[in-house]
Full PDB file with SEQRES, HELIX, SHEET, SSBOND, CRYST1, ORIGX, SCALE, CONECT and MASTER records, all heavy atoms in Angstrom:
SEQRES   1 A   38  ASN SER LEU LEU GLY LYS TYR TYR SER LEU LYS ASP THR          
SEQRES   2 A   38  LEU ILE GLU GLU ASP GLY LYS ARG TYR ARG LEU GLU ILE          
SEQRES   3 A   38  ALA PHE ASP MET THR ILE GLN LYS GLN GLN SER ARG              
HELIX    1 AA1 LYS A   34  GLN A   36  5                                   3    
SHEET    1 AA1 2 TYR A   8  GLU A  17  0                                        
SHEET    2 AA1 2 LYS A  20  ASP A  29 -1                                        
CRYST1    1.000    1.000    1.000  90.00  90.00  90.00 P 1           1          
ORIGX1      1.000000  0.000000  0.000000        0.00000                         
ORIGX2      0.000000  1.000000  0.000000        0.00000                         
ORIGX3      0.000000  0.000000  1.000000        0.00000                         
SCALE1      1.000000  0.000000  0.000000        0.00000                         
SCALE2      0.000000  1.000000  0.000000        0.00000                         
SCALE3      0.000000  0.000000  1.000000        0.00000                         
ATOM      1  N   ASN A   1       9.681  46.043 -14.650  1.00  0.00           N  
ATOM      2  CA  ASN A   1      10.979  46.709 -15.107  1.00  0.00           C  
ATOM      3  C   ASN A   1      12.094  45.945 -14.336  1.00  0.00           C  
ATOM      4  O   ASN A   1      12.294  46.172 -13.123  1.00  0.00           O  
ATOM      5  CB  ASN A   1      10.884  48.155 -14.661  1.00  0.00           C  
ATOM      6  CG  ASN A   1      12.154  48.956 -15.234  1.00  0.00           C  
ATOM      7  OD1 ASN A   1      13.274  48.553 -15.097  1.00  0.00           O  
ATOM      8  ND2 ASN A   1      11.851  49.982 -15.961  1.00  0.00           N  
ATOM      9  N   SER A   2      12.868  45.093 -15.091  1.00  0.00           N  
ATOM     10  CA  SER A   2      13.952  44.331 -14.474  1.00  0.00           C  
ATOM     11  C   SER A   2      15.069  45.248 -14.032  1.00  0.00           C  
ATOM     12  O   SER A   2      15.787  44.837 -13.128  1.00  0.00           O  
ATOM     13  CB  SER A   2      14.362  43.310 -15.539  1.00  0.00           C  
ATOM     14  OG  SER A   2      14.814  43.944 -16.688  1.00  0.00           O  
ATOM     15  N   LEU A   3      15.216  46.451 -14.642  1.00  0.00           N  
ATOM     16  CA  LEU A   3      16.349  47.336 -14.236  1.00  0.00           C  
ATOM     17  C   LEU A   3      16.075  47.825 -12.847  1.00  0.00           C  
ATOM     18  O   LEU A   3      17.029  47.950 -11.987  1.00  0.00           O  
ATOM     19  CB  LEU A   3      16.482  48.453 -15.199  1.00  0.00           C  
ATOM     20  CG  LEU A   3      17.754  49.348 -15.034  1.00  0.00           C  
ATOM     21  CD1 LEU A   3      18.947  48.579 -15.213  1.00  0.00           C  
ATOM     22  CD2 LEU A   3      17.675  50.546 -16.021  1.00  0.00           C  
ATOM     23  N   LEU A   4      14.782  48.248 -12.577  1.00  0.00           N  
ATOM     24  CA  LEU A   4      14.475  48.739 -11.289  1.00  0.00           C  
ATOM     25  C   LEU A   4      13.991  47.647 -10.289  1.00  0.00           C  
ATOM     26  O   LEU A   4      13.876  47.801  -9.102  1.00  0.00           O  
ATOM     27  CB  LEU A   4      13.362  49.795 -11.397  1.00  0.00           C  
ATOM     28  CG  LEU A   4      13.724  51.044 -12.256  1.00  0.00           C  
ATOM     29  CD1 LEU A   4      12.436  51.927 -12.358  1.00  0.00           C  
ATOM     30  CD2 LEU A   4      14.926  51.793 -11.693  1.00  0.00           C  
ATOM     31  N   GLY A   5      13.608  46.439 -10.831  1.00  0.00           N  
ATOM     32  CA  GLY A   5      13.100  45.393 -10.033  1.00  0.00           C  
ATOM     33  C   GLY A   5      11.697  45.715  -9.398  1.00  0.00           C  
ATOM     34  O   GLY A   5      11.506  45.351  -8.300  1.00  0.00           O  
ATOM     35  N   LYS A   6      10.854  46.383 -10.247  1.00  0.00           N  
ATOM     36  CA  LYS A   6       9.633  46.710  -9.697  1.00  0.00           C  
ATOM     37  C   LYS A   6       8.511  46.553 -10.793  1.00  0.00           C  
ATOM     38  O   LYS A   6       8.863  46.548 -12.039  1.00  0.00           O  
ATOM     39  CB  LYS A   6       9.559  48.211  -9.249  1.00  0.00           C  
ATOM     40  CG  LYS A   6      10.373  48.493  -8.031  1.00  0.00           C  
ATOM     41  CD  LYS A   6      10.174  49.937  -7.590  1.00  0.00           C  
ATOM     42  CE  LYS A   6      10.967  50.202  -6.354  1.00  0.00           C  
ATOM     43  NZ  LYS A   6      10.826  51.610  -5.852  1.00  0.00           N  
ATOM     44  N   TYR A   7       7.281  46.371 -10.364  1.00  0.00           N  
ATOM     45  CA  TYR A   7       6.183  46.231 -11.272  1.00  0.00           C  
ATOM     46  C   TYR A   7       5.462  47.622 -11.351  1.00  0.00           C  
ATOM     47  O   TYR A   7       5.210  48.338 -10.430  1.00  0.00           O  
ATOM     48  CB  TYR A   7       5.179  45.229 -10.745  1.00  0.00           C  
ATOM     49  CG  TYR A   7       5.688  43.820 -10.699  1.00  0.00           C  
ATOM     50  CD1 TYR A   7       6.275  43.355  -9.615  1.00  0.00           C  
ATOM     51  CD2 TYR A   7       5.577  43.013 -11.818  1.00  0.00           C  
ATOM     52  CE1 TYR A   7       6.885  41.983  -9.645  1.00  0.00           C  
ATOM     53  CE2 TYR A   7       5.954  41.729 -11.887  1.00  0.00           C  
ATOM     54  CZ  TYR A   7       6.703  41.181 -10.775  1.00  0.00           C  
ATOM     55  OH  TYR A   7       7.171  39.934 -10.748  1.00  0.00           O  
ATOM     56  N   TYR A   8       5.057  47.892 -12.567  1.00  0.00           N  
ATOM     57  CA  TYR A   8       4.400  49.178 -12.843  1.00  0.00           C  
ATOM     58  C   TYR A   8       3.109  49.072 -13.663  1.00  0.00           C  
ATOM     59  O   TYR A   8       3.050  48.217 -14.547  1.00  0.00           O  
ATOM     60  CB  TYR A   8       5.400  50.081 -13.631  1.00  0.00           C  
ATOM     61  CG  TYR A   8       6.467  50.664 -12.799  1.00  0.00           C  
ATOM     62  CD1 TYR A   8       7.747  49.885 -12.814  1.00  0.00           C  
ATOM     63  CD2 TYR A   8       6.427  51.784 -11.989  1.00  0.00           C  
ATOM     64  CE1 TYR A   8       8.797  50.420 -12.043  1.00  0.00           C  
ATOM     65  CE2 TYR A   8       7.518  52.210 -11.237  1.00  0.00           C  
ATOM     66  CZ  TYR A   8       8.653  51.550 -11.262  1.00  0.00           C  
ATOM     67  OH  TYR A   8       9.725  51.880 -10.487  1.00  0.00           O  
ATOM     68  N   SER A   9       2.160  49.909 -13.337  1.00  0.00           N  
ATOM     69  CA  SER A   9       0.942  50.057 -14.150  1.00  0.00           C  
ATOM     70  C   SER A   9       1.262  51.364 -14.980  1.00  0.00           C  
ATOM     71  O   SER A   9       1.604  52.367 -14.520  1.00  0.00           O  
ATOM     72  CB  SER A   9      -0.288  50.311 -13.386  1.00  0.00           C  
ATOM     73  OG  SER A   9      -1.413  50.716 -14.107  1.00  0.00           O  
ATOM     74  N   LEU A  10       1.175  51.183 -16.334  1.00  0.00           N  
ATOM     75  CA  LEU A  10       1.692  52.200 -17.248  1.00  0.00           C  
ATOM     76  C   LEU A  10       0.492  52.924 -18.040  1.00  0.00           C  
ATOM     77  O   LEU A  10      -0.334  52.122 -18.457  1.00  0.00           O  
ATOM     78  CB  LEU A  10       2.698  51.643 -18.241  1.00  0.00           C  
ATOM     79  CG  LEU A  10       3.877  50.868 -17.631  1.00  0.00           C  
ATOM     80  CD1 LEU A  10       4.765  50.275 -18.709  1.00  0.00           C  
ATOM     81  CD2 LEU A  10       4.778  51.818 -16.848  1.00  0.00           C  
ATOM     82  N   LYS A  11       0.668  54.137 -18.224  1.00  0.00           N  
ATOM     83  CA  LYS A  11      -0.342  54.923 -19.080  1.00  0.00           C  
ATOM     84  C   LYS A  11       0.480  55.583 -20.068  1.00  0.00           C  
ATOM     85  O   LYS A  11       1.257  56.527 -19.716  1.00  0.00           O  
ATOM     86  CB  LYS A  11      -1.197  55.785 -18.248  1.00  0.00           C  
ATOM     87  CG  LYS A  11      -2.140  55.199 -17.205  1.00  0.00           C  
ATOM     88  CD  LYS A  11      -2.949  56.185 -16.522  1.00  0.00           C  
ATOM     89  CE  LYS A  11      -3.906  55.582 -15.395  1.00  0.00           C  
ATOM     90  NZ  LYS A  11      -4.956  54.787 -16.204  1.00  0.00           N  
ATOM     91  N   ASP A  12       0.181  55.284 -21.390  1.00  0.00           N  
ATOM     92  CA  ASP A  12       1.019  55.885 -22.452  1.00  0.00           C  
ATOM     93  C   ASP A  12       0.082  56.623 -23.449  1.00  0.00           C  
ATOM     94  O   ASP A  12      -1.000  56.243 -23.634  1.00  0.00           O  
ATOM     95  CB  ASP A  12       1.695  54.748 -23.399  1.00  0.00           C  
ATOM     96  CG  ASP A  12       2.693  53.900 -22.542  1.00  0.00           C  
ATOM     97  OD1 ASP A  12       3.027  54.320 -21.348  1.00  0.00           O  
ATOM     98  OD2 ASP A  12       2.995  52.853 -23.010  1.00  0.00           O  
ATOM     99  N   THR A  13       0.628  57.791 -23.989  1.00  0.00           N  
ATOM    100  CA  THR A  13      -0.135  58.475 -25.020  1.00  0.00           C  
ATOM    101  C   THR A  13       0.799  59.179 -25.990  1.00  0.00           C  
ATOM    102  O   THR A  13       1.977  59.260 -25.755  1.00  0.00           O  
ATOM    103  CB  THR A  13      -1.120  59.558 -24.330  1.00  0.00           C  
ATOM    104  OG1 THR A  13      -2.033  60.034 -25.324  1.00  0.00           O  
ATOM    105  CG2 THR A  13      -0.289  60.735 -23.776  1.00  0.00           C  
ATOM    106  N   LEU A  14       0.222  59.655 -27.079  1.00  0.00           N  
ATOM    107  CA  LEU A  14       0.994  60.261 -28.105  1.00  0.00           C  
ATOM    108  C   LEU A  14       0.666  61.786 -28.080  1.00  0.00           C  
ATOM    109  O   LEU A  14      -0.533  62.133 -28.123  1.00  0.00           O  
ATOM    110  CB  LEU A  14       0.596  59.699 -29.467  1.00  0.00           C  
ATOM    111  CG  LEU A  14       1.206  60.383 -30.764  1.00  0.00           C  
ATOM    112  CD1 LEU A  14       2.683  60.287 -30.841  1.00  0.00           C  
ATOM    113  CD2 LEU A  14       0.518  59.805 -31.963  1.00  0.00           C  
ATOM    114  N   ILE A  15       1.719  62.556 -28.082  1.00  0.00           N  
ATOM    115  CA  ILE A  15       1.567  64.056 -28.132  1.00  0.00           C  
ATOM    116  C   ILE A  15       2.249  64.564 -29.385  1.00  0.00           C  
ATOM    117  O   ILE A  15       3.369  64.219 -29.707  1.00  0.00           O  
ATOM    118  CB  ILE A  15       2.178  64.721 -26.917  1.00  0.00           C  
ATOM    119  CG1 ILE A  15       1.479  64.316 -25.654  1.00  0.00           C  
ATOM    120  CG2 ILE A  15       2.189  66.131 -26.990  1.00  0.00           C  
ATOM    121  CD1 ILE A  15       2.041  64.794 -24.326  1.00  0.00           C  
ATOM    122  N   GLU A  16       1.552  65.371 -30.218  1.00  0.00           N  
ATOM    123  CA  GLU A  16       2.080  65.890 -31.404  1.00  0.00           C  
ATOM    124  C   GLU A  16       2.267  67.435 -31.166  1.00  0.00           C  
ATOM    125  O   GLU A  16       1.321  68.099 -30.856  1.00  0.00           O  
ATOM    126  CB  GLU A  16       1.172  65.672 -32.615  1.00  0.00           C  
ATOM    127  CG  GLU A  16       1.007  64.219 -32.926  1.00  0.00           C  
ATOM    128  CD  GLU A  16       0.057  63.886 -33.985  1.00  0.00           C  
ATOM    129  OE1 GLU A  16      -0.853  64.779 -34.289  1.00  0.00           O  
ATOM    130  OE2 GLU A  16       0.289  63.009 -34.787  1.00  0.00           O  
ATOM    131  N   GLU A  17       3.545  67.827 -31.352  1.00  0.00           N  
ATOM    132  CA  GLU A  17       3.788  69.288 -31.129  1.00  0.00           C  
ATOM    133  C   GLU A  17       4.935  69.732 -31.972  1.00  0.00           C  
ATOM    134  O   GLU A  17       5.962  68.961 -32.091  1.00  0.00           O  
ATOM    135  CB  GLU A  17       4.131  69.457 -29.592  1.00  0.00           C  
ATOM    136  CG  GLU A  17       4.355  70.885 -29.215  1.00  0.00           C  
ATOM    137  CD  GLU A  17       4.324  70.992 -27.666  1.00  0.00           C  
ATOM    138  OE1 GLU A  17       3.348  70.564 -27.002  1.00  0.00           O  
ATOM    139  OE2 GLU A  17       5.280  71.655 -27.126  1.00  0.00           O  
ATOM    140  N   ASP A  18       4.928  70.844 -32.565  1.00  0.00           N  
ATOM    141  CA  ASP A  18       5.945  71.475 -33.333  1.00  0.00           C  
ATOM    142  C   ASP A  18       6.364  70.525 -34.478  1.00  0.00           C  
ATOM    143  O   ASP A  18       7.556  70.433 -34.781  1.00  0.00           O  
ATOM    144  CB  ASP A  18       7.081  71.905 -32.518  1.00  0.00           C  
ATOM    145  CG  ASP A  18       6.704  72.973 -31.484  1.00  0.00           C  
ATOM    146  OD1 ASP A  18       5.812  73.741 -31.885  1.00  0.00           O  
ATOM    147  OD2 ASP A  18       7.321  72.997 -30.414  1.00  0.00           O  
ATOM    148  N   GLY A  19       5.468  69.723 -35.038  1.00  0.00           N  
ATOM    149  CA  GLY A  19       5.785  68.885 -36.120  1.00  0.00           C  
ATOM    150  C   GLY A  19       6.443  67.556 -35.730  1.00  0.00           C  
ATOM    151  O   GLY A  19       6.983  66.816 -36.457  1.00  0.00           O  
ATOM    152  N   LYS A  20       6.593  67.338 -34.419  1.00  0.00           N  
ATOM    153  CA  LYS A  20       7.217  66.103 -33.931  1.00  0.00           C  
ATOM    154  C   LYS A  20       6.183  65.295 -33.140  1.00  0.00           C  
ATOM    155  O   LYS A  20       5.150  65.809 -32.609  1.00  0.00           O  
ATOM    156  CB  LYS A  20       8.404  66.445 -32.974  1.00  0.00           C  
ATOM    157  CG  LYS A  20       9.636  67.015 -33.787  1.00  0.00           C  
ATOM    158  CD  LYS A  20      10.783  67.135 -32.849  1.00  0.00           C  
ATOM    159  CE  LYS A  20      11.995  67.598 -33.653  1.00  0.00           C  
ATOM    160  NZ  LYS A  20      13.293  67.751 -32.836  1.00  0.00           N  
ATOM    161  N   ARG A  21       6.535  63.968 -32.976  1.00  0.00           N  
ATOM    162  CA  ARG A  21       5.603  63.050 -32.201  1.00  0.00           C  
ATOM    163  C   ARG A  21       6.363  62.581 -31.010  1.00  0.00           C  
ATOM    164  O   ARG A  21       7.480  62.102 -31.051  1.00  0.00           O  
ATOM    165  CB  ARG A  21       5.247  61.920 -33.075  1.00  0.00           C  
ATOM    166  CG  ARG A  21       4.560  62.265 -34.412  1.00  0.00           C  
ATOM    167  CD  ARG A  21       4.131  61.085 -35.104  1.00  0.00           C  
ATOM    168  NE  ARG A  21       5.209  60.102 -35.349  1.00  0.00           N  
ATOM    169  CZ  ARG A  21       4.992  58.766 -35.341  1.00  0.00           C  
ATOM    170  NH1 ARG A  21       3.781  58.305 -35.244  1.00  0.00           N  
ATOM    171  NH2 ARG A  21       6.075  57.950 -35.496  1.00  0.00           N  
ATOM    172  N   TYR A  22       5.675  62.738 -29.824  1.00  0.00           N  
ATOM    173  CA  TYR A  22       6.246  62.313 -28.516  1.00  0.00           C  
ATOM    174  C   TYR A  22       5.455  61.337 -27.836  1.00  0.00           C  
ATOM    175  O   TYR A  22       4.254  61.271 -27.906  1.00  0.00           O  
ATOM    176  CB  TYR A  22       6.476  63.580 -27.690  1.00  0.00           C  
ATOM    177  CG  TYR A  22       7.292  64.624 -28.178  1.00  0.00           C  
ATOM    178  CD1 TYR A  22       6.663  65.783 -28.786  1.00  0.00           C  
ATOM    179  CD2 TYR A  22       8.669  64.609 -28.198  1.00  0.00           C  
ATOM    180  CE1 TYR A  22       7.448  66.823 -29.401  1.00  0.00           C  
ATOM    181  CE2 TYR A  22       9.425  65.690 -28.735  1.00  0.00           C  
ATOM    182  CZ  TYR A  22       8.834  66.729 -29.269  1.00  0.00           C  
ATOM    183  OH  TYR A  22       9.619  67.760 -29.761  1.00  0.00           O  
ATOM    184  N   ARG A  23       6.149  60.469 -27.170  1.00  0.00           N  
ATOM    185  CA  ARG A  23       5.507  59.400 -26.209  1.00  0.00           C  
ATOM    186  C   ARG A  23       5.640  59.990 -24.841  1.00  0.00           C  
ATOM    187  O   ARG A  23       6.758  60.201 -24.406  1.00  0.00           O  
ATOM    188  CB  ARG A  23       6.276  58.048 -26.462  1.00  0.00           C  
ATOM    189  CG  ARG A  23       5.880  57.103 -25.339  1.00  0.00           C  
ATOM    190  CD  ARG A  23       6.944  56.003 -25.240  1.00  0.00           C  
ATOM    191  NE  ARG A  23       6.657  54.960 -24.233  1.00  0.00           N  
ATOM    192  CZ  ARG A  23       6.127  53.769 -24.724  1.00  0.00           C  
ATOM    193  NH1 ARG A  23       5.876  53.536 -25.926  1.00  0.00           N  
ATOM    194  NH2 ARG A  23       5.790  52.880 -23.654  1.00  0.00           N  
ATOM    195  N   LEU A  24       4.501  60.087 -24.233  1.00  0.00           N  
ATOM    196  CA  LEU A  24       4.406  60.460 -22.779  1.00  0.00           C  
ATOM    197  C   LEU A  24       3.932  59.195 -22.072  1.00  0.00           C  
ATOM    198  O   LEU A  24       2.915  58.608 -22.322  1.00  0.00           O  
ATOM    199  CB  LEU A  24       3.488  61.628 -22.551  1.00  0.00           C  
ATOM    200  CG  LEU A  24       3.430  62.096 -21.126  1.00  0.00           C  
ATOM    201  CD1 LEU A  24       3.150  63.642 -21.078  1.00  0.00           C  
ATOM    202  CD2 LEU A  24       2.398  61.360 -20.256  1.00  0.00           C  
ATOM    203  N   GLU A  25       4.744  58.870 -20.968  1.00  0.00           N  
ATOM    204  CA  GLU A  25       4.384  57.624 -20.195  1.00  0.00           C  
ATOM    205  C   GLU A  25       4.347  58.078 -18.751  1.00  0.00           C  
ATOM    206  O   GLU A  25       5.285  58.746 -18.216  1.00  0.00           O  
ATOM    207  CB  GLU A  25       5.327  56.488 -20.454  1.00  0.00           C  
ATOM    208  CG  GLU A  25       5.020  55.249 -19.607  1.00  0.00           C  
ATOM    209  CD  GLU A  25       5.780  54.079 -20.024  1.00  0.00           C  
ATOM    210  OE1 GLU A  25       5.479  53.378 -21.083  1.00  0.00           O  
ATOM    211  OE2 GLU A  25       6.788  53.789 -19.317  1.00  0.00           O  
ATOM    212  N   ILE A  26       3.325  57.604 -17.998  1.00  0.00           N  
ATOM    213  CA  ILE A  26       3.165  57.800 -16.635  1.00  0.00           C  
ATOM    214  C   ILE A  26       3.251  56.420 -15.995  1.00  0.00           C  
ATOM    215  O   ILE A  26       2.442  55.533 -16.401  1.00  0.00           O  
ATOM    216  CB  ILE A  26       1.865  58.475 -16.208  1.00  0.00           C  
ATOM    217  CG1 ILE A  26       1.780  59.870 -16.936  1.00  0.00           C  
ATOM    218  CG2 ILE A  26       1.901  58.724 -14.645  1.00  0.00           C  
ATOM    219  CD1 ILE A  26       0.433  60.555 -16.755  1.00  0.00           C  
ATOM    220  N   ALA A  27       4.146  56.097 -15.097  1.00  0.00           N  
ATOM    221  CA  ALA A  27       4.309  54.794 -14.552  1.00  0.00           C  
ATOM    222  C   ALA A  27       3.994  54.849 -13.056  1.00  0.00           C  
ATOM    223  O   ALA A  27       4.654  55.601 -12.303  1.00  0.00           O  
ATOM    224  CB  ALA A  27       5.761  54.272 -14.750  1.00  0.00           C  
ATOM    225  N   PHE A  28       2.963  54.080 -12.626  1.00  0.00           N  
ATOM    226  CA  PHE A  28       2.547  53.981 -11.237  1.00  0.00           C  
ATOM    227  C   PHE A  28       3.139  52.633 -10.580  1.00  0.00           C  
ATOM    228  O   PHE A  28       2.954  51.591 -11.143  1.00  0.00           O  
ATOM    229  CB  PHE A  28       1.070  53.921 -11.172  1.00  0.00           C  
ATOM    230  CG  PHE A  28       0.369  55.130 -11.718  1.00  0.00           C  
ATOM    231  CD1 PHE A  28       0.011  55.136 -13.093  1.00  0.00           C  
ATOM    232  CD2 PHE A  28       0.181  56.184 -11.010  1.00  0.00           C  
ATOM    233  CE1 PHE A  28      -0.612  56.252 -13.655  1.00  0.00           C  
ATOM    234  CE2 PHE A  28      -0.481  57.367 -11.459  1.00  0.00           C  
ATOM    235  CZ  PHE A  28      -0.883  57.319 -12.863  1.00  0.00           C  
ATOM    236  N   ASP A  29       3.886  52.859  -9.518  1.00  0.00           N  
ATOM    237  CA  ASP A  29       4.525  51.787  -8.882  1.00  0.00           C  
ATOM    238  C   ASP A  29       3.518  50.940  -8.204  1.00  0.00           C  
ATOM    239  O   ASP A  29       2.799  51.355  -7.228  1.00  0.00           O  
ATOM    240  CB  ASP A  29       5.553  52.313  -7.804  1.00  0.00           C  
ATOM    241  CG  ASP A  29       6.343  51.269  -7.153  1.00  0.00           C  
ATOM    242  OD1 ASP A  29       6.107  50.036  -7.463  1.00  0.00           O  
ATOM    243  OD2 ASP A  29       7.329  51.642  -6.382  1.00  0.00           O  
ATOM    244  N   MET A  30       3.395  49.613  -8.641  1.00  0.00           N  
ATOM    245  CA  MET A  30       2.410  48.747  -8.102  1.00  0.00           C  
ATOM    246  C   MET A  30       3.058  47.948  -7.003  1.00  0.00           C  
ATOM    247  O   MET A  30       2.249  47.256  -6.180  1.00  0.00           O  
ATOM    248  CB  MET A  30       1.928  47.814  -9.188  1.00  0.00           C  
ATOM    249  CG  MET A  30       1.122  48.503 -10.282  1.00  0.00           C  
ATOM    250  SD  MET A  30       0.609  47.345 -11.600  1.00  0.00           S  
ATOM    251  CE  MET A  30      -0.466  46.271 -10.606  1.00  0.00           C  
ATOM    252  N   THR A  31       4.395  47.945  -6.905  1.00  0.00           N  
ATOM    253  CA  THR A  31       5.075  47.014  -5.889  1.00  0.00           C  
ATOM    254  C   THR A  31       4.683  47.274  -4.531  1.00  0.00           C  
ATOM    255  O   THR A  31       4.456  46.429  -3.664  1.00  0.00           O  
ATOM    256  CB  THR A  31       6.493  47.175  -6.100  1.00  0.00           C  
ATOM    257  OG1 THR A  31       6.790  46.966  -7.463  1.00  0.00           O  
ATOM    258  CG2 THR A  31       7.214  45.957  -5.287  1.00  0.00           C  
ATOM    259  N   ILE A  32       4.442  48.609  -4.134  1.00  0.00           N  
ATOM    260  CA  ILE A  32       4.117  49.026  -2.791  1.00  0.00           C  
ATOM    261  C   ILE A  32       2.646  49.190  -2.531  1.00  0.00           C  
ATOM    262  O   ILE A  32       2.327  49.555  -1.445  1.00  0.00           O  
ATOM    263  CB  ILE A  32       4.877  50.324  -2.539  1.00  0.00           C  
ATOM    264  CG1 ILE A  32       4.397  51.447  -3.385  1.00  0.00           C  
ATOM    265  CG2 ILE A  32       6.373  50.139  -2.598  1.00  0.00           C  
ATOM    266  CD1 ILE A  32       4.941  52.809  -3.060  1.00  0.00           C  
ATOM    267  N   GLN A  33       1.824  48.810  -3.429  1.00  0.00           N  
ATOM    268  CA  GLN A  33       0.408  48.959  -3.241  1.00  0.00           C  
ATOM    269  C   GLN A  33      -0.172  47.542  -2.841  1.00  0.00           C  
ATOM    270  O   GLN A  33      -0.383  46.718  -3.752  1.00  0.00           O  
ATOM    271  CB  GLN A  33      -0.295  49.478  -4.545  1.00  0.00           C  
ATOM    272  CG  GLN A  33       0.258  50.875  -4.878  1.00  0.00           C  
ATOM    273  CD  GLN A  33      -0.412  51.392  -6.121  1.00  0.00           C  
ATOM    274  OE1 GLN A  33      -1.449  51.084  -6.432  1.00  0.00           O  
ATOM    275  NE2 GLN A  33       0.414  52.203  -6.814  1.00  0.00           N  
ATOM    276  N   LYS A  34      -0.467  47.403  -1.578  1.00  0.00           N  
ATOM    277  CA  LYS A  34      -0.877  46.081  -1.072  1.00  0.00           C  
ATOM    278  C   LYS A  34      -2.223  45.742  -1.714  1.00  0.00           C  
ATOM    279  O   LYS A  34      -2.448  44.532  -1.906  1.00  0.00           O  
ATOM    280  CB  LYS A  34      -1.055  46.158   0.462  1.00  0.00           C  
ATOM    281  CG  LYS A  34       0.269  46.353   1.151  1.00  0.00           C  
ATOM    282  CD  LYS A  34       0.141  46.374   2.660  1.00  0.00           C  
ATOM    283  CE  LYS A  34       1.470  46.368   3.403  1.00  0.00           C  
ATOM    284  NZ  LYS A  34       1.289  46.382   4.882  1.00  0.00           N  
ATOM    285  N   GLN A  35      -3.109  46.642  -2.012  1.00  0.00           N  
ATOM    286  CA  GLN A  35      -4.341  46.261  -2.563  1.00  0.00           C  
ATOM    287  C   GLN A  35      -4.266  45.732  -3.930  1.00  0.00           C  
ATOM    288  O   GLN A  35      -5.205  45.105  -4.423  1.00  0.00           O  
ATOM    289  CB  GLN A  35      -5.233  47.539  -2.546  1.00  0.00           C  
ATOM    290  CG  GLN A  35      -4.798  48.633  -3.499  1.00  0.00           C  
ATOM    291  CD  GLN A  35      -4.024  49.712  -2.819  1.00  0.00           C  
ATOM    292  OE1 GLN A  35      -3.223  49.255  -1.953  1.00  0.00           O  
ATOM    293  NE2 GLN A  35      -3.944  50.890  -3.333  1.00  0.00           N  
ATOM    294  N   GLN A  36      -3.068  45.902  -4.591  1.00  0.00           N  
ATOM    295  CA  GLN A  36      -2.911  45.344  -5.955  1.00  0.00           C  
ATOM    296  C   GLN A  36      -1.933  44.082  -5.924  1.00  0.00           C  
ATOM    297  O   GLN A  36      -1.519  43.669  -6.975  1.00  0.00           O  
ATOM    298  CB  GLN A  36      -2.310  46.428  -6.859  1.00  0.00           C  
ATOM    299  CG  GLN A  36      -3.329  47.577  -7.088  1.00  0.00           C  
ATOM    300  CD  GLN A  36      -2.751  48.650  -7.910  1.00  0.00           C  
ATOM    301  OE1 GLN A  36      -1.519  48.918  -7.947  1.00  0.00           O  
ATOM    302  NE2 GLN A  36      -3.529  49.198  -8.813  1.00  0.00           N  
ATOM    303  N   SER A  37      -1.785  43.593  -4.686  1.00  0.00           N  
ATOM    304  CA  SER A  37      -0.780  42.406  -4.700  1.00  0.00           C  
ATOM    305  C   SER A  37      -1.238  41.244  -5.477  1.00  0.00           C  
ATOM    306  O   SER A  37      -0.410  40.598  -6.112  1.00  0.00           O  
ATOM    307  CB  SER A  37      -0.609  42.024  -3.259  1.00  0.00           C  
ATOM    308  OG  SER A  37      -1.901  41.580  -2.647  1.00  0.00           O  
ATOM    309  N   ARG A  38      -2.556  40.969  -5.598  1.00  0.00           N  
ATOM    310  CA  ARG A  38      -3.045  39.855  -6.365  1.00  0.00           C  
ATOM    311  C   ARG A  38      -2.669  40.018  -7.941  1.00  0.00           C  
ATOM    312  O   ARG A  38      -2.217  39.121  -8.552  1.00  0.00           O  
ATOM    313  CB  ARG A  38      -4.461  39.677  -6.231  1.00  0.00           C  
ATOM    314  CG  ARG A  38      -5.022  38.502  -7.043  1.00  0.00           C  
ATOM    315  CD  ARG A  38      -6.512  38.365  -6.844  1.00  0.00           C  
ATOM    316  NE  ARG A  38      -7.038  37.341  -7.692  1.00  0.00           N  
ATOM    317  CZ  ARG A  38      -8.282  37.046  -7.846  1.00  0.00           C  
ATOM    318  NH1 ARG A  38      -9.213  37.711  -7.048  1.00  0.00           N  
ATOM    319  NH2 ARG A  38      -8.657  36.031  -8.664  1.00  0.00           N  
TER     320      ARG A  38                                                      
MASTER        0    0    0    1    2    0    0    6  319    1    0    3          
END                                                                             
């Protein structure tokens, strides 16, 4: 994410509710996780 200047691992899914479709995204900050530096 160039706006935040950080790397993220993202999990996206589709939720259907009340006749509408929604995108739910959970973003895990990878920048501070040393074990994922590679």
